[in-house]
Amino acid sequence: MKILINGETRQFEESKTITCLVADLGLEPKMILIEHNGTALHRSEWSACLLSEGDRIEILQVAAGG
């Protein structure tokens, strides 16, 4: 399965949820925002969102500042 993550095509053996994708990429869930095919997702939606061939994912890192 091929999906686009931040403009880069990535190949995965099997379909997975956003939650699994975040874990596989080694990202800290509390520090990122996810957009799936142009729609921002709340963290509570990640486990129900099953990725499909050709999906577009944008991952935004949250940075604290002051």
N, C-alpha and C. Protein backbone atom coordinates (compact mmCIF):
# COMPACT_ATOMS: atom_id res chain seq x y z
N MET A 1 0.84 -1.17 0.00
CA MET A 1 0.00 0.00 0.00
C MET A 1 0.89 1.24 0.00
N LYS A 2 0.61 2.18 -0.88
CA LYS A 2 1.37 3.42 -0.95
C LYS A 2 0.50 4.57 -0.45
N ILE A 3 1.07 5.38 0.44
CA ILE A 3 0.41 6.60 0.90
C ILE A 3 1.41 7.74 0.83
N LEU A 4 0.91 8.94 0.80
CA LEU A 4 1.75 10.12 0.71
C LEU A 4 1.81 10.76 2.10
N ILE A 5 3.01 10.89 2.66
CA ILE A 5 3.20 11.49 3.97
C ILE A 5 4.07 12.73 3.80
N ASN A 6 3.48 13.89 4.08
CA ASN A 6 4.17 15.17 3.93
C ASN A 6 4.84 15.28 2.55
N GLY A 7 4.12 14.87 1.53
CA GLY A 7 4.60 14.99 0.17
C GLY A 7 5.52 13.89 -0.31
N GLU A 8 5.82 12.92 0.54
CA GLU A 8 6.73 11.83 0.19
C GLU A 8 5.96 10.51 0.15
N THR A 9 6.11 9.77 -0.95
CA THR A 9 5.44 8.47 -1.06
C THR A 9 6.12 7.46 -0.17
N ARG A 10 5.31 6.75 0.61
CA ARG A 10 5.82 5.70 1.50
C ARG A 10 5.08 4.40 1.21
N GLN A 11 5.78 3.31 1.24
CA GLN A 11 5.22 1.98 0.96
C GLN A 11 5.06 1.22 2.28
N PHE A 12 3.89 0.60 2.47
CA PHE A 12 3.64 -0.22 3.65
C PHE A 12 3.09 -1.56 3.21
N GLU A 13 3.44 -2.60 3.94
CA GLU A 13 3.02 -3.96 3.63
C GLU A 13 1.52 -4.16 3.78
N GLU A 14 0.95 -3.50 4.79
CA GLU A 14 -0.47 -3.71 5.09
C GLU A 14 -1.12 -2.40 5.48
N SER A 15 -2.43 -2.40 5.45
CA SER A 15 -3.18 -1.24 5.87
C SER A 15 -3.01 -1.06 7.38
N LYS A 16 -3.05 0.18 7.82
CA LYS A 16 -2.89 0.46 9.24
C LYS A 16 -3.69 1.69 9.62
N THR A 17 -3.88 1.88 10.91
CA THR A 17 -4.57 3.07 11.39
C THR A 17 -3.57 4.21 11.55
N ILE A 18 -4.10 5.41 11.74
CA ILE A 18 -3.24 6.56 12.01
C ILE A 18 -2.43 6.30 13.29
N THR A 19 -3.06 5.73 14.31
CA THR A 19 -2.36 5.43 15.56
C THR A 19 -1.15 4.54 15.31
N CYS A 20 -1.31 3.50 14.51
CA CYS A 20 -0.20 2.59 14.18
C CYS A 20 0.87 3.32 13.37
N LEU A 21 0.45 4.14 12.44
CA LEU A 21 1.40 4.90 11.62
C LEU A 21 2.27 5.80 12.50
N VAL A 22 1.64 6.52 13.41
CA VAL A 22 2.37 7.42 14.32
C VAL A 22 3.40 6.62 15.13
N ALA A 23 2.99 5.47 15.64
CA ALA A 23 3.91 4.62 16.41
C ALA A 23 5.04 4.10 15.54
N ASP A 24 4.72 3.64 14.32
CA ASP A 24 5.75 3.13 13.40
C ASP A 24 6.78 4.20 13.03
N LEU A 25 6.33 5.45 12.96
CA LEU A 25 7.23 6.54 12.61
C LEU A 25 7.99 7.07 13.82
N GLY A 26 7.67 6.55 15.02
CA GLY A 26 8.36 6.95 16.23
C GLY A 26 8.05 8.36 16.69
N LEU A 27 6.82 8.81 16.40
CA LEU A 27 6.43 10.17 16.75
C LEU A 27 5.71 10.20 18.10
N GLU A 28 5.82 11.32 18.80
CA GLU A 28 5.13 11.53 20.07
C GLU A 28 3.74 12.08 19.76
N PRO A 29 2.68 11.30 20.01
CA PRO A 29 1.32 11.73 19.66
C PRO A 29 0.91 13.09 20.20
N LYS A 30 1.36 13.43 21.39
CA LYS A 30 0.96 14.70 21.99
C LYS A 30 1.62 15.91 21.34
N MET A 31 2.61 15.66 20.49
CA MET A 31 3.36 16.75 19.89
C MET A 31 3.10 16.93 18.39
N ILE A 32 2.08 16.24 17.86
CA ILE A 32 1.80 16.35 16.42
C ILE A 32 0.31 16.57 16.16
N LEU A 33 0.04 17.11 14.99
CA LEU A 33 -1.31 17.23 14.45
C LEU A 33 -1.33 16.44 13.15
N ILE A 34 -2.45 15.78 12.86
CA ILE A 34 -2.56 14.95 11.66
C ILE A 34 -3.70 15.46 10.78
N GLU A 35 -3.40 15.55 9.48
CA GLU A 35 -4.41 15.85 8.48
C GLU A 35 -4.49 14.65 7.54
N HIS A 36 -5.70 14.12 7.35
CA HIS A 36 -5.91 12.93 6.51
C HIS A 36 -6.77 13.33 5.32
N ASN A 37 -6.19 13.29 4.14
CA ASN A 37 -6.89 13.67 2.90
C ASN A 37 -7.56 15.04 3.02
N GLY A 38 -6.83 15.98 3.62
CA GLY A 38 -7.32 17.35 3.70
C GLY A 38 -8.19 17.66 4.91
N THR A 39 -8.45 16.68 5.77
CA THR A 39 -9.28 16.88 6.94
C THR A 39 -8.46 16.69 8.21
N ALA A 40 -8.46 17.70 9.07
CA ALA A 40 -7.74 17.61 10.35
C ALA A 40 -8.47 16.60 11.24
N LEU A 41 -7.70 15.74 11.88
CA LEU A 41 -8.27 14.72 12.76
C LEU A 41 -7.95 15.01 14.21
N HIS A 42 -8.95 14.81 15.07
CA HIS A 42 -8.72 14.87 16.51
C HIS A 42 -8.00 13.58 16.90
N ARG A 43 -7.15 13.64 17.89
CA ARG A 43 -6.39 12.46 18.31
C ARG A 43 -7.31 11.27 18.63
N SER A 44 -8.50 11.52 19.13
CA SER A 44 -9.43 10.44 19.46
C SER A 44 -9.94 9.70 18.22
N GLU A 45 -9.77 10.29 17.03
CA GLU A 45 -10.21 9.67 15.77
C GLU A 45 -9.14 8.78 15.14
N TRP A 46 -7.90 8.89 15.59
CA TRP A 46 -6.79 8.19 14.94
C TRP A 46 -6.97 6.68 14.90
N SER A 47 -7.44 6.09 15.97
CA SER A 47 -7.53 4.62 16.03
C SER A 47 -8.63 4.06 15.14
N ALA A 48 -9.59 4.89 14.75
CA ALA A 48 -10.69 4.44 13.89
C ALA A 48 -10.43 4.76 12.42
N CYS A 49 -9.37 5.50 12.14
CA CYS A 49 -9.08 5.93 10.76
C CYS A 49 -8.12 4.94 10.11
N LEU A 50 -8.66 4.06 9.27
CA LEU A 50 -7.87 3.07 8.56
C LEU A 50 -7.37 3.66 7.25
N LEU A 51 -6.06 3.61 7.05
CA LEU A 51 -5.46 4.17 5.85
C LEU A 51 -5.69 3.27 4.64
N SER A 52 -5.81 3.90 3.47
CA SER A 52 -6.03 3.18 2.22
C SER A 52 -5.02 3.63 1.18
N GLU A 53 -4.86 2.84 0.16
CA GLU A 53 -3.98 3.15 -0.97
C GLU A 53 -4.25 4.56 -1.47
N GLY A 54 -3.18 5.36 -1.60
CA GLY A 54 -3.28 6.69 -2.16
C GLY A 54 -3.68 7.79 -1.19
N ASP A 55 -3.89 7.46 0.10
CA ASP A 55 -4.24 8.48 1.07
C ASP A 55 -3.11 9.49 1.20
N ARG A 56 -3.49 10.73 1.57
CA ARG A 56 -2.53 11.81 1.80
C ARG A 56 -2.54 12.17 3.28
N ILE A 57 -1.39 12.10 3.91
CA ILE A 57 -1.24 12.42 5.32
C ILE A 57 -0.28 13.59 5.46
N GLU A 58 -0.68 14.58 6.23
CA GLU A 58 0.20 15.68 6.59
C GLU A 58 0.40 15.59 8.10
N ILE A 59 1.64 15.62 8.53
CA ILE A 59 1.98 15.56 9.94
C ILE A 59 2.66 16.87 10.31
N LEU A 60 2.08 17.57 11.26
CA LEU A 60 2.61 18.86 11.72
C LEU A 60 3.13 18.71 13.13
N GLN A 61 4.38 19.13 13.36
CA GLN A 61 4.98 19.09 14.69
C GLN A 61 4.55 20.34 15.45
N VAL A 62 4.10 20.16 16.66
CA VAL A 62 3.75 21.27 17.53
C VAL A 62 5.02 21.70 18.26
N ALA A 63 5.31 22.99 18.22
CA ALA A 63 6.51 23.50 18.89
C ALA A 63 6.11 24.53 19.93
N ALA A 64 6.59 24.32 21.12
CA ALA A 64 6.32 25.30 22.19
C ALA A 64 7.25 26.49 22.01
N GLY A 65 6.76 27.61 22.36
CA GLY A 65 7.59 28.80 22.23
C GLY A 65 7.12 29.89 23.16
N GLY A 66 7.81 30.96 23.12
CA GLY A 66 7.40 32.02 24.02
C GLY A 66 8.16 33.29 23.79
